[in-house]
Amino acid sequence: MLALLALPSSAAAAPVLVLGHDGRAVPVNDPYLHGPALTPAPALAPAMAPSAARARSAARPGSRPARARPRAHVALARGRMHARRAPQRPERTVTSELARLQRTGQITPAAYALYRGAFTQALATERRLRGTRRAELTAITETLHGIAASGQLTASRLPALFTTLARNVQWWTHGPLLAPDQRVEFTGSQLVWEYYPGQGIQLQVLGTFGRANGLFGSGPGSYPALQQLMAEMIPLAAQRGGRLAWEYYFNFDGGRPPWTSAMSQATGLQALSHAYLATEDAGYLSVADRALALFGAGPPVGVGVAAPNGTRFLQYTFAPGVSIINAFLQTLIGLDTYAQVSGDPRAQQLFAAGNAEAMAEVPRFDTGAWSLYQPGIEDTLSYHQLVTGFLSQLCTLTSAPVYCTTAQHFTADETTPPVLTQLTGRGRVKRTTQLRFRLSKVSHVGITVTQGARTVLLTSASFGYGVHSFTVPVISRPGIYSVLLTATDLAGNTSRITGRLQITR
């Protein structure tokens, strides 16, 4: 059982930048950090448009989170009143909310002084910075203000929010500028962070808990680092509707902070289970028991929604209608780990309800030639391999034929060339022709239209599965033209077909 629980989601170490105490950032390959840090933003459209090469770019797994937009109340973020408005009640600010928490006994005077001083210092640092550094730190302080202004600056959220503030002050004062999605760490800490342009560096909950599982899988020599990671991570959990949750504090494709994810929460349960197995400290299972409650609550607080066959667990609490299969499957694996280690009947029931729904949904994510990220949207190669690994793990855990068969299908898809079918065979002179074709899986497709030595069209583009077309330019002479279509899928498999296009008067 221990060997099974230690299975990583990916075999490749992740590149990170580690900022040292001397202010120097060193690139390293973290051997305990595997796979993507967070399943990217959901696509809101249920299916791809015909111009898939461009239409999918904003919704595919490589898409970027929404950038933080400048708000009209920037002045309020600093606690100043707007000159043209006379609000009926004072605007909530970070400092006023901290004072309220102290006044009501939710934080001590010492904690109030510490947090207020950190925020004041961050604002002073922000004013000294320039360019990208100033913009990124400003995004952090504005997000903190937005949470305060909405009445969501609770005592339990202060550790995570102010740890984020402190790390951003440290990075943008001393660290280098970053490429989008760059993951970073800090010397002396086990936490994993990620850079989201326009929103600073953010705690990567899934990445950090994934790192914990990687440390456990590496054996007893890594257990002290695992204990340190959990000691850092457990205090960063917040009370979310009375339930313990590790939240995200940045804007993400329409979702506003604070939000959370079933996948990151379940990976947290898995990490807590592994920490218990490594140390036999029952305190880890006690924390996991409190975190389990999130799966029994619906959005926007919790991550469980009733489904026709059981329960679907959500990747995003702000997007209850979005089904992302890799996130659902990874959630089940985390729940199962905790259920096995703890023997908790609630965890077993939650896994059973989610498993029943997942088994019914999985076939809808198999096009017959490739996997779907969500309905209508195909996976990238890395996500295809990721979901195949999750299906294989669930096949081992449950012996359910749907998991085993679909994993076999997806494995075979990586070596199966795409299938092309030409659908248009006729066109007219002095008119453009939409040469339609059917494609079995996401591929880069090239087309050549010739007559003898003369080339009429030579171009290529990327398309998803389904029916698409190339525009053949105006041809002035009737006759038979040769067509060559070539498709190369994401795994490098290539196929080609030849056909003809008859142009008539």
Protein backbone atom coordinates (compact mmCIF):
# COMPACT_ATOMS: atom_id res chain seq x y z
CA MET A 1 0.00 0.00 0.00
CA LEU A 2 2.84 2.40 0.83
CA ALA A 3 4.37 1.89 -2.60
CA LEU A 4 1.05 2.64 -4.27
CA LEU A 5 0.41 5.76 -2.19
CA ALA A 6 3.81 7.16 -3.10
CA LEU A 7 3.22 7.13 -6.85
CA PRO A 8 4.07 10.56 -8.30
CA SER A 9 1.94 12.21 -10.98
CA SER A 10 4.95 12.81 -13.22
CA ALA A 11 8.50 11.58 -13.44
CA ALA A 12 10.13 14.88 -14.39
CA ALA A 13 11.65 17.31 -11.90
CA ALA A 14 10.41 20.89 -12.17
CA PRO A 15 12.64 23.91 -12.83
CA VAL A 16 12.41 26.56 -10.10
CA LEU A 17 14.24 29.74 -9.10
CA VAL A 18 15.38 29.75 -5.47
CA LEU A 19 15.97 33.15 -3.87
CA GLY A 20 18.70 33.05 -1.25
CA HIS A 21 19.25 35.18 1.83
CA ASP A 22 21.90 37.11 -0.12
CA GLY A 23 19.32 38.22 -2.71
CA ARG A 24 20.65 35.95 -5.46
CA ALA A 25 18.23 33.69 -7.36
CA VAL A 26 19.63 30.34 -8.46
CA PRO A 27 17.89 28.05 -11.00
CA VAL A 28 17.51 24.46 -9.81
CA ASN A 29 15.55 21.36 -10.77
CA ASP A 30 13.40 20.45 -7.78
CA PRO A 31 13.29 16.62 -7.73
CA TYR A 32 10.27 16.60 -5.42
CA LEU A 33 8.08 18.90 -7.49
CA HIS A 34 6.19 17.07 -10.22
CA GLY A 35 3.64 17.94 -12.86
CA PRO A 36 1.66 21.14 -13.43
CA ALA A 37 1.16 23.38 -10.43
CA LEU A 38 -2.47 24.14 -11.15
CA THR A 39 -4.89 23.01 -13.81
CA PRO A 40 -5.32 26.18 -15.87
CA ALA A 41 -8.35 28.36 -16.32
CA PRO A 42 -11.54 26.75 -17.61
CA ALA A 43 -13.00 27.43 -21.02
CA LEU A 44 -16.50 28.83 -20.72
CA ALA A 45 -17.68 27.75 -24.19
CA PRO A 46 -18.96 24.15 -24.38
CA ALA A 47 -17.39 23.43 -27.76
CA MET A 48 -14.73 24.70 -30.14
CA ALA A 49 -15.50 27.14 -32.89
CA PRO A 50 -14.53 26.20 -36.46
CA SER A 51 -11.54 28.52 -36.33
CA ALA A 52 -10.11 26.31 -33.61
CA ALA A 53 -6.50 27.34 -34.15
CA ARG A 54 -7.27 30.77 -32.72
CA ALA A 55 -10.47 30.26 -30.76
CA ARG A 56 -8.93 27.65 -28.46
CA SER A 57 -5.90 29.74 -27.56
CA ALA A 58 -7.68 31.54 -24.73
CA ALA A 59 -9.22 28.38 -23.31
CA ARG A 60 -6.61 25.66 -23.73
CA PRO A 61 -4.54 24.39 -20.82
CA GLY A 62 -1.76 26.82 -21.79
CA SER A 63 -3.93 29.88 -21.24
CA ARG A 64 -3.01 32.59 -18.81
CA PRO A 65 -4.98 33.72 -15.78
CA ALA A 66 -6.73 37.05 -16.09
CA ARG A 67 -4.42 39.95 -15.39
CA ALA A 68 -5.30 42.18 -12.49
CA ARG A 69 -7.08 45.20 -13.89
CA PRO A 70 -6.55 48.71 -12.50
CA ARG A 71 -9.54 49.61 -10.37
CA ALA A 72 -11.23 52.96 -10.15
CA HIS A 73 -10.86 52.96 -6.37
CA VAL A 74 -7.07 52.72 -6.27
CA ALA A 75 -7.10 55.66 -3.86
CA LEU A 76 -9.30 53.69 -1.51
CA ALA A 77 -6.72 50.91 -1.51
CA ARG A 78 -4.58 53.26 0.51
CA GLY A 79 -7.40 54.20 2.87
CA ARG A 80 -8.13 57.61 1.34
CA MET A 81 -11.63 58.87 0.63
CA HIS A 82 -12.76 59.43 -2.96
CA ALA A 83 -13.13 63.15 -3.63
CA ARG A 84 -16.42 62.84 -5.51
CA ARG A 85 -18.19 60.37 -3.29
CA ALA A 86 -19.59 60.63 0.18
CA PRO A 87 -20.18 57.02 1.27
CA GLN A 88 -22.76 56.42 3.91
CA ARG A 89 -20.34 54.34 5.94
CA PRO A 90 -16.54 54.36 6.06
CA GLU A 91 -14.79 52.25 3.48
CA ARG A 92 -13.29 49.08 4.88
CA THR A 93 -9.51 49.14 4.54
CA VAL A 94 -6.77 46.77 5.58
CA THR A 95 -5.90 48.88 8.61
CA SER A 96 -9.52 49.42 9.67
CA GLU A 97 -10.25 45.69 9.39
CA LEU A 98 -7.13 44.82 11.37
CA ALA A 99 -8.28 47.26 14.04
CA ARG A 100 -11.72 45.64 14.08
CA LEU A 101 -10.19 42.18 14.50
CA GLN A 102 -8.17 43.44 17.46
CA ARG A 103 -11.11 45.31 18.97
CA THR A 104 -13.29 42.19 18.84
CA GLY A 105 -10.59 40.00 20.36
CA GLN A 106 -9.94 37.94 17.22
CA ILE A 107 -6.26 38.92 17.13
CA THR A 108 -3.97 40.13 19.89
CA PRO A 109 -2.61 43.69 20.11
CA ALA A 110 0.83 42.29 19.28
CA ALA A 111 -0.50 40.58 16.14
CA TYR A 112 -2.31 43.78 15.17
CA ALA A 113 0.89 45.80 15.47
CA LEU A 114 2.83 43.19 13.49
CA TYR A 115 0.34 43.01 10.60
CA ARG A 116 -0.26 46.76 10.46
CA GLY A 117 3.48 47.41 10.44
CA ALA A 118 4.03 44.88 7.66
CA PHE A 119 1.34 46.47 5.50
CA THR A 120 2.66 50.00 6.09
CA GLN A 121 6.18 48.86 5.23
CA ALA A 122 4.95 47.16 2.06
CA LEU A 123 3.28 50.41 0.92
CA ALA A 124 6.48 52.33 1.59
CA THR A 125 8.50 49.74 -0.38
CA GLU A 126 5.98 49.93 -3.21
CA ARG A 127 6.49 53.69 -3.52
CA ARG A 128 10.25 53.22 -3.83
CA LEU A 129 10.05 50.61 -6.58
CA ARG A 130 9.62 51.32 -10.29
CA GLY A 131 8.26 49.59 -13.36
CA THR A 132 7.29 45.93 -13.18
CA ARG A 133 8.51 45.56 -9.61
CA ARG A 134 6.24 48.33 -8.39
CA ALA A 135 3.29 47.08 -10.46
CA GLU A 136 3.57 43.53 -9.09
CA LEU A 137 3.82 44.59 -5.47
CA THR A 138 0.95 47.05 -6.00
CA ALA A 139 -1.17 44.17 -7.29
CA ILE A 140 -0.58 42.31 -4.03
CA THR A 141 -1.49 45.27 -1.80
CA GLU A 142 -4.58 46.01 -3.90
CA THR A 143 -5.72 42.39 -3.70
CA LEU A 144 -5.30 42.55 0.06
CA HIS A 145 -7.36 45.74 0.12
CA GLY A 146 -10.05 44.16 -2.06
CA ILE A 147 -10.41 41.26 0.38
CA ALA A 148 -10.65 43.73 3.26
CA ALA A 149 -13.16 45.96 1.43
CA SER A 150 -15.42 42.95 0.76
CA GLY A 151 -15.44 42.01 4.44
CA GLN A 152 -13.47 38.80 3.91
CA LEU A 153 -10.31 39.74 5.83
CA THR A 154 -10.79 37.21 8.61
CA ALA A 155 -8.32 36.33 11.33
CA SER A 156 -7.72 32.87 9.88
CA ARG A 157 -6.72 34.33 6.49
CA LEU A 158 -4.11 36.71 7.88
CA PRO A 159 -1.20 34.21 8.01
CA ALA A 160 -1.50 33.25 4.32
CA LEU A 161 -2.19 36.77 3.09
CA PHE A 162 0.65 38.39 5.01
CA THR A 163 3.08 35.58 4.16
CA THR A 164 2.23 36.31 0.52
CA LEU A 165 2.78 40.02 1.11
CA ALA A 166 6.16 39.42 2.79
CA ARG A 167 7.42 37.10 0.04
CA ASN A 168 6.43 39.59 -2.64
CA VAL A 169 8.21 42.41 -0.83
CA GLN A 170 11.29 40.17 -0.62
CA TRP A 171 11.17 39.07 -4.26
CA TRP A 172 10.43 42.40 -5.92
CA THR A 173 13.05 44.13 -3.77
CA HIS A 174 15.84 41.62 -4.34
CA GLY A 175 14.85 38.97 -6.89
CA PRO A 176 15.05 39.09 -10.69
CA LEU A 177 12.15 39.76 -13.04
CA LEU A 178 10.29 36.57 -13.90
CA ALA A 179 8.82 34.83 -16.92
CA PRO A 180 5.11 33.97 -16.75
CA ASP A 181 4.30 30.83 -14.74
CA GLN A 182 7.80 30.63 -13.30
CA ARG A 183 7.79 28.68 -10.06
CA VAL A 184 9.96 30.03 -7.25
CA GLU A 185 11.10 28.98 -3.81
CA PHE A 186 12.99 30.65 -0.96
CA THR A 187 16.05 29.37 0.88
CA GLY A 188 15.05 27.89 4.22
CA SER A 189 11.44 27.26 3.18
CA GLN A 190 9.71 24.27 1.59
CA LEU A 191 6.79 26.24 0.10
CA VAL A 192 6.29 26.56 -3.66
CA TRP A 193 5.26 29.84 -5.28
CA GLU A 194 4.33 30.79 -8.84
CA TYR A 195 4.48 34.05 -10.76
CA TYR A 196 1.26 35.28 -12.36
CA PRO A 197 1.99 38.43 -14.39
CA GLY A 198 0.08 41.39 -13.01
CA GLN A 199 -0.61 39.56 -9.73
CA GLY A 200 2.82 38.98 -8.24
CA ILE A 201 4.03 35.65 -6.91
CA GLN A 202 1.35 33.51 -5.28
CA LEU A 203 1.43 30.52 -2.98
CA GLN A 204 0.94 27.44 -5.14
CA VAL A 205 -1.14 25.24 -2.86
CA LEU A 206 -1.30 22.28 -5.25
CA GLY A 207 2.39 22.57 -6.11
CA THR A 208 3.38 22.70 -2.44
CA PHE A 209 1.28 19.69 -1.44
CA GLY A 210 2.55 17.88 -4.54
CA ARG A 211 6.06 18.58 -3.31
CA ALA A 212 5.13 17.07 0.07
CA ASN A 213 4.01 13.87 -1.65
CA GLY A 214 7.26 13.85 -3.64
CA LEU A 215 9.26 14.12 -0.41
CA PHE A 216 7.33 11.19 1.09
CA GLY A 217 7.94 9.09 -2.00
CA SER A 218 11.68 9.70 -1.72
CA GLY A 219 11.96 7.79 1.54
CA PRO A 220 12.90 8.41 5.18
CA GLY A 221 15.81 10.68 4.30
CA SER A 222 13.32 13.30 3.10
CA TYR A 223 10.92 13.01 6.04
CA PRO A 224 12.44 15.96 7.99
CA ALA A 225 11.84 18.23 4.98
CA LEU A 226 8.29 16.85 4.73
CA GLN A 227 7.68 17.72 8.38
CA GLN A 228 9.04 21.24 7.83
CA LEU A 229 6.80 21.72 4.79
CA MET A 230 3.71 20.66 6.73
CA ALA A 231 4.70 22.87 9.66
CA GLU A 232 4.79 25.82 7.26
CA MET A 233 1.64 24.87 5.35
CA ILE A 234 -0.83 23.89 8.05
CA PRO A 235 -0.97 27.38 9.65
CA LEU A 236 -1.77 28.87 6.22
CA ALA A 237 -5.16 27.12 6.08
CA ALA A 238 -8.19 29.36 6.57
CA GLN A 239 -11.69 28.89 7.93
CA ARG A 240 -13.95 28.85 4.86
CA GLY A 241 -17.58 28.72 5.91
CA GLY A 242 -16.51 26.97 9.11
CA ARG A 243 -14.41 24.44 7.18
CA LEU A 244 -10.64 24.25 6.97
CA ALA A 245 -9.34 25.12 3.49
CA TRP A 246 -6.17 26.14 1.71
CA GLU A 247 -7.26 29.03 -0.49
CA TYR A 248 -5.93 30.92 -3.50
CA TYR A 249 -5.68 34.69 -3.21
CA PHE A 250 -5.52 35.92 -6.79
CA ASN A 251 -7.88 36.54 -9.70
CA PHE A 252 -8.26 33.60 -12.04
CA ASP A 253 -10.42 33.63 -15.19
CA GLY A 254 -13.30 35.52 -13.61
CA GLY A 255 -12.88 34.04 -10.15
CA ARG A 256 -12.06 36.51 -7.40
CA PRO A 257 -10.14 35.68 -4.25
CA PRO A 258 -10.51 33.92 -1.99
CA TRP A 259 -11.36 30.72 -3.88
CA THR A 260 -10.26 27.13 -3.60
CA SER A 261 -10.09 23.83 -5.48
CA ALA A 262 -11.07 20.23 -4.79
CA MET A 263 -7.85 19.06 -6.44
CA SER A 264 -5.52 21.10 -4.24
CA GLN A 265 -7.57 20.28 -1.12
CA ALA A 266 -7.53 16.54 -1.86
CA THR A 267 -3.79 16.64 -2.58
CA GLY A 268 -3.49 18.28 0.83
CA LEU A 269 -5.36 15.36 2.39
CA GLN A 270 -2.94 13.03 0.63
CA ALA A 271 0.07 14.98 1.92
CA LEU A 272 -1.30 14.94 5.48
CA SER A 273 -1.82 11.18 5.19
CA HIS A 274 1.75 10.73 4.01
CA ALA A 275 3.06 12.91 6.85
CA TYR A 276 1.19 10.65 9.29
CA LEU A 277 2.68 7.51 7.73
CA ALA A 278 6.14 9.08 7.92
CA THR A 279 5.90 10.19 11.56
CA GLU A 280 2.96 8.33 13.16
CA ASP A 281 1.85 11.73 14.46
CA ALA A 282 -1.97 11.55 14.64
CA GLY A 283 -2.14 15.35 14.60
CA TYR A 284 -1.83 15.24 10.81
CA LEU A 285 -4.96 13.11 10.52
CA SER A 286 -6.76 15.50 12.86
CA VAL A 287 -6.03 18.39 10.48
CA ALA A 288 -7.11 16.27 7.51
CA ASP A 289 -10.39 15.44 9.28
CA ARG A 290 -11.17 19.17 9.55
CA ALA A 291 -10.21 19.74 5.90
CA LEU A 292 -12.41 16.87 4.69
CA ALA A 293 -15.58 18.84 5.49
CA LEU A 294 -15.05 21.06 2.43
CA PHE A 295 -15.99 18.13 0.15
CA GLY A 296 -19.43 17.84 1.70
CA ALA A 297 -20.34 21.49 1.06
CA GLY A 298 -21.45 23.08 -2.19
CA PRO A 299 -19.99 26.11 -3.94
CA PRO A 300 -19.04 28.86 -3.51
CA VAL A 301 -17.89 27.68 -0.06
CA GLY A 302 -17.26 24.00 -0.77
CA VAL A 303 -16.26 21.83 -3.71
CA GLY A 304 -18.97 19.18 -3.96
CA VAL A 305 -22.02 19.31 -6.24
CA ALA A 306 -24.75 16.72 -6.62
CA ALA A 307 -24.57 14.90 -9.97
CA PRO A 308 -26.76 12.26 -11.67
CA ASN A 309 -24.63 9.34 -10.48
CA GLY A 310 -23.14 10.70 -7.27
CA THR A 311 -21.02 13.78 -6.57
CA ARG A 312 -18.78 15.86 -8.82
CA PHE A 313 -15.86 17.58 -7.11
CA LEU A 314 -15.03 21.00 -8.52
CA GLN A 315 -11.72 22.28 -9.72
CA TYR A 316 -12.85 25.86 -9.04
CA THR A 317 -15.38 26.98 -6.43
CA PHE A 318 -16.25 29.93 -8.67
CA ALA A 319 -17.09 27.72 -11.70
CA PRO A 320 -19.58 25.06 -10.57
CA GLY A 321 -20.64 24.26 -14.13
CA VAL A 322 -17.15 23.40 -15.36
CA SER A 323 -16.04 19.76 -15.44
CA ILE A 324 -12.29 19.16 -15.82
CA ILE A 325 -11.63 15.45 -15.83
CA ASN A 326 -7.96 15.37 -14.79
CA ALA A 327 -8.78 17.49 -11.73
CA PHE A 328 -11.72 15.26 -10.82
CA LEU A 329 -9.59 12.11 -11.05
CA GLN A 330 -6.71 13.53 -9.03
CA THR A 331 -9.21 14.61 -6.38
CA LEU A 332 -10.46 11.03 -6.11
CA ILE A 333 -6.91 9.71 -5.72
CA GLY A 334 -6.27 12.11 -2.84
CA LEU A 335 -9.54 11.22 -1.15
CA ASP A 336 -8.83 7.52 -1.51
CA THR A 337 -5.38 7.89 0.05
CA TYR A 338 -6.84 9.61 3.10
CA ALA A 339 -9.69 7.08 3.32
CA GLN A 340 -7.23 4.16 3.25
CA VAL A 341 -4.82 5.62 5.79
CA SER A 342 -7.39 6.99 8.24
CA GLY A 343 -10.25 4.54 7.82
CA ASP A 344 -12.58 7.57 8.01
CA PRO A 345 -16.06 6.42 6.85
CA ARG A 346 -16.93 9.94 5.64
CA ALA A 347 -13.91 9.92 3.34
CA GLN A 348 -14.88 6.49 2.05
CA GLN A 349 -18.43 7.68 1.35
CA LEU A 350 -17.20 10.82 -0.42
CA PHE A 351 -14.83 8.76 -2.54
CA ALA A 352 -17.59 6.31 -3.43
CA ALA A 353 -19.95 9.12 -4.48
CA GLY A 354 -17.27 10.83 -6.56
CA ASN A 355 -16.06 7.57 -8.04
CA ALA A 356 -19.56 6.65 -9.22
CA GLU A 357 -19.92 9.97 -11.02
CA ALA A 358 -16.40 9.87 -12.48
CA MET A 359 -16.93 6.38 -13.92
CA ALA A 360 -20.04 7.67 -15.68
CA GLU A 361 -18.27 10.78 -16.99
CA VAL A 362 -14.93 9.36 -18.14
CA PRO A 363 -16.21 7.92 -21.46
CA ARG A 364 -17.39 11.39 -22.50
CA PHE A 365 -13.78 12.59 -22.34
CA ASP A 366 -12.57 10.01 -24.89
CA THR A 367 -13.03 11.18 -28.48
CA GLY A 368 -11.85 7.83 -29.79
CA ALA A 369 -8.56 9.38 -30.82
CA TRP A 370 -7.49 11.67 -27.95
CA SER A 371 -8.49 12.84 -24.47
CA LEU A 372 -10.58 15.91 -23.66
CA TYR A 373 -9.50 18.43 -21.05
CA GLN A 374 -13.12 19.44 -20.60
CA PRO A 375 -16.09 18.84 -22.93
CA GLY A 376 -15.17 20.01 -26.43
CA ILE A 377 -11.58 20.97 -25.53
CA GLU A 378 -8.75 18.52 -26.24
CA ASP A 379 -5.79 18.02 -23.94
CA THR A 380 -2.27 19.12 -24.66
CA LEU A 381 0.23 16.25 -24.79
CA SER A 382 1.31 16.79 -21.18
CA TYR A 383 -2.26 16.81 -19.91
CA HIS A 384 -3.10 13.76 -22.04
CA GLN A 385 -0.25 11.92 -20.34
CA LEU A 386 -1.29 13.29 -16.94
CA VAL A 387 -4.89 12.07 -17.21
CA THR A 388 -3.67 8.72 -18.54
CA GLY A 389 -1.56 8.34 -15.40
CA PHE A 390 -4.50 9.17 -13.14
CA LEU A 391 -6.70 6.65 -14.95
CA SER A 392 -4.02 4.00 -14.53
CA GLN A 393 -3.79 4.72 -10.79
CA LEU A 394 -7.57 4.48 -10.42
CA CYS A 395 -7.54 1.26 -12.44
CA THR A 396 -5.10 -0.16 -9.89
CA LEU A 397 -7.09 1.19 -6.93
CA THR A 398 -10.57 0.15 -8.03
CA SER A 399 -10.17 -2.37 -10.90
CA ALA A 400 -13.04 -0.51 -12.60
CA PRO A 401 -13.06 -1.51 -16.30
CA VAL A 402 -13.84 2.05 -17.46
CA TYR A 403 -10.63 3.36 -15.93
CA CYS A 404 -8.50 0.50 -17.21
CA THR A 405 -9.95 0.55 -20.74
CA THR A 406 -9.78 4.33 -21.12
CA ALA A 407 -6.17 4.36 -19.90
CA GLN A 408 -5.35 1.76 -22.55
CA HIS A 409 -7.12 3.85 -25.22
CA PHE A 410 -5.23 7.00 -24.26
CA THR A 411 -1.91 5.14 -24.23
CA ALA A 412 -2.59 3.82 -27.74
CA ASP A 413 -3.60 7.31 -28.91
CA GLU A 414 -0.01 8.50 -28.38
CA THR A 415 1.23 6.22 -31.16
CA THR A 416 -1.78 6.35 -33.49
CA PRO A 417 -1.56 8.81 -36.43
CA PRO A 418 -4.43 11.25 -36.93
CA VAL A 419 -7.12 10.38 -39.45
CA LEU A 420 -7.88 12.90 -42.21
CA THR A 421 -10.84 12.89 -44.57
CA GLN A 422 -11.30 15.39 -47.41
CA LEU A 423 -14.95 16.47 -47.58
CA THR A 424 -14.94 19.06 -50.40
CA GLY A 425 -14.27 17.90 -53.96
CA ARG A 426 -15.74 20.64 -56.14
CA GLY A 427 -15.44 24.40 -56.56
CA ARG A 428 -16.21 27.11 -59.09
CA VAL A 429 -14.01 29.40 -61.11
CA LYS A 430 -13.60 32.99 -59.99
CA ARG A 431 -14.77 32.14 -56.48
CA THR A 432 -12.98 31.16 -53.30
CA THR A 433 -13.56 27.59 -52.20
CA GLN A 434 -13.86 26.37 -48.62
CA LEU A 435 -12.07 23.04 -48.75
CA ARG A 436 -13.53 21.18 -45.80
CA PHE A 437 -11.93 18.21 -44.07
CA ARG A 438 -12.52 16.06 -41.01
CA LEU A 439 -9.73 15.51 -38.45
CA SER A 440 -9.73 12.83 -35.74
CA LYS A 441 -7.52 14.58 -33.14
CA VAL A 442 -5.80 17.87 -32.42
CA SER A 443 -3.03 18.29 -35.01
CA HIS A 444 -1.09 20.69 -37.17
CA VAL A 445 -2.52 20.35 -40.67
CA GLY A 446 -0.83 21.37 -43.91
CA ILE A 447 -2.45 21.67 -47.33
CA THR A 448 -1.04 21.90 -50.83
CA VAL A 449 -3.24 22.49 -53.90
CA THR A 450 -1.48 22.21 -57.24
CA GLN A 451 -2.07 21.78 -60.97
CA GLY A 452 1.01 20.44 -62.66
CA ALA A 453 3.93 22.64 -61.63
CA ARG A 454 1.67 25.48 -60.49
CA THR A 455 0.92 25.80 -56.75
CA VAL A 456 -2.43 27.37 -55.95
CA LEU A 457 -2.31 27.05 -52.15
CA LEU A 458 0.39 26.13 -49.66
CA THR A 459 -0.35 26.78 -45.98
CA SER A 460 -0.85 25.13 -42.59
CA ALA A 461 -2.57 25.72 -39.24
CA SER A 462 -3.43 23.90 -36.02
CA PHE A 463 -6.91 22.47 -35.53
CA GLY A 464 -8.81 20.43 -32.99
CA TYR A 465 -10.82 17.35 -33.77
CA GLY A 466 -13.89 17.77 -35.96
CA VAL A 467 -14.68 19.42 -39.30
CA HIS A 468 -12.61 22.40 -40.45
CA SER A 469 -11.67 24.10 -43.70
CA PHE A 470 -8.96 25.91 -45.61
CA THR A 471 -9.84 28.76 -47.96
CA VAL A 472 -8.63 28.07 -51.50
CA PRO A 473 -8.09 31.40 -53.30
CA VAL A 474 -9.89 32.35 -56.49
CA ILE A 475 -9.00 30.05 -59.40
CA SER A 476 -9.66 31.44 -62.86
CA ARG A 477 -9.18 28.26 -64.91
CA PRO A 478 -11.43 25.19 -64.65
CA GLY A 479 -9.85 21.78 -64.32
CA ILE A 480 -8.71 19.08 -61.91
CA TYR A 481 -6.37 20.20 -59.12
CA SER A 482 -4.38 17.91 -56.83
CA VAL A 483 -4.83 18.17 -53.06
CA LEU A 484 -2.37 16.96 -50.43
CA LEU A 485 -3.39 17.11 -46.76
CA THR A 486 -0.87 16.29 -44.02
CA ALA A 487 -1.58 16.12 -40.28
CA THR A 488 0.90 15.83 -37.40
CA ASP A 489 -0.53 15.26 -33.92
CA LEU A 490 0.89 16.46 -30.60
CA ALA A 491 2.89 13.26 -30.15
CA GLY A 492 4.54 13.62 -33.58
CA ASN A 493 2.52 10.99 -35.44
CA THR A 494 1.93 11.98 -39.07
CA SER A 495 -0.54 10.97 -41.72
CA ARG A 496 -1.27 12.27 -45.22
CA ILE A 497 -3.93 11.85 -47.84
CA THR A 498 -4.15 12.87 -51.47
CA GLY A 499 -7.30 13.96 -53.23
CA ARG A 500 -8.50 16.22 -55.96
CA LEU A 501 -10.50 19.38 -56.35
CA GLN A 502 -12.55 19.86 -59.49
CA ILE A 503 -13.05 23.49 -60.47
CA THR A 504 -15.93 24.06 -62.87
CA ARG A 505 -17.40 27.07 -64.63
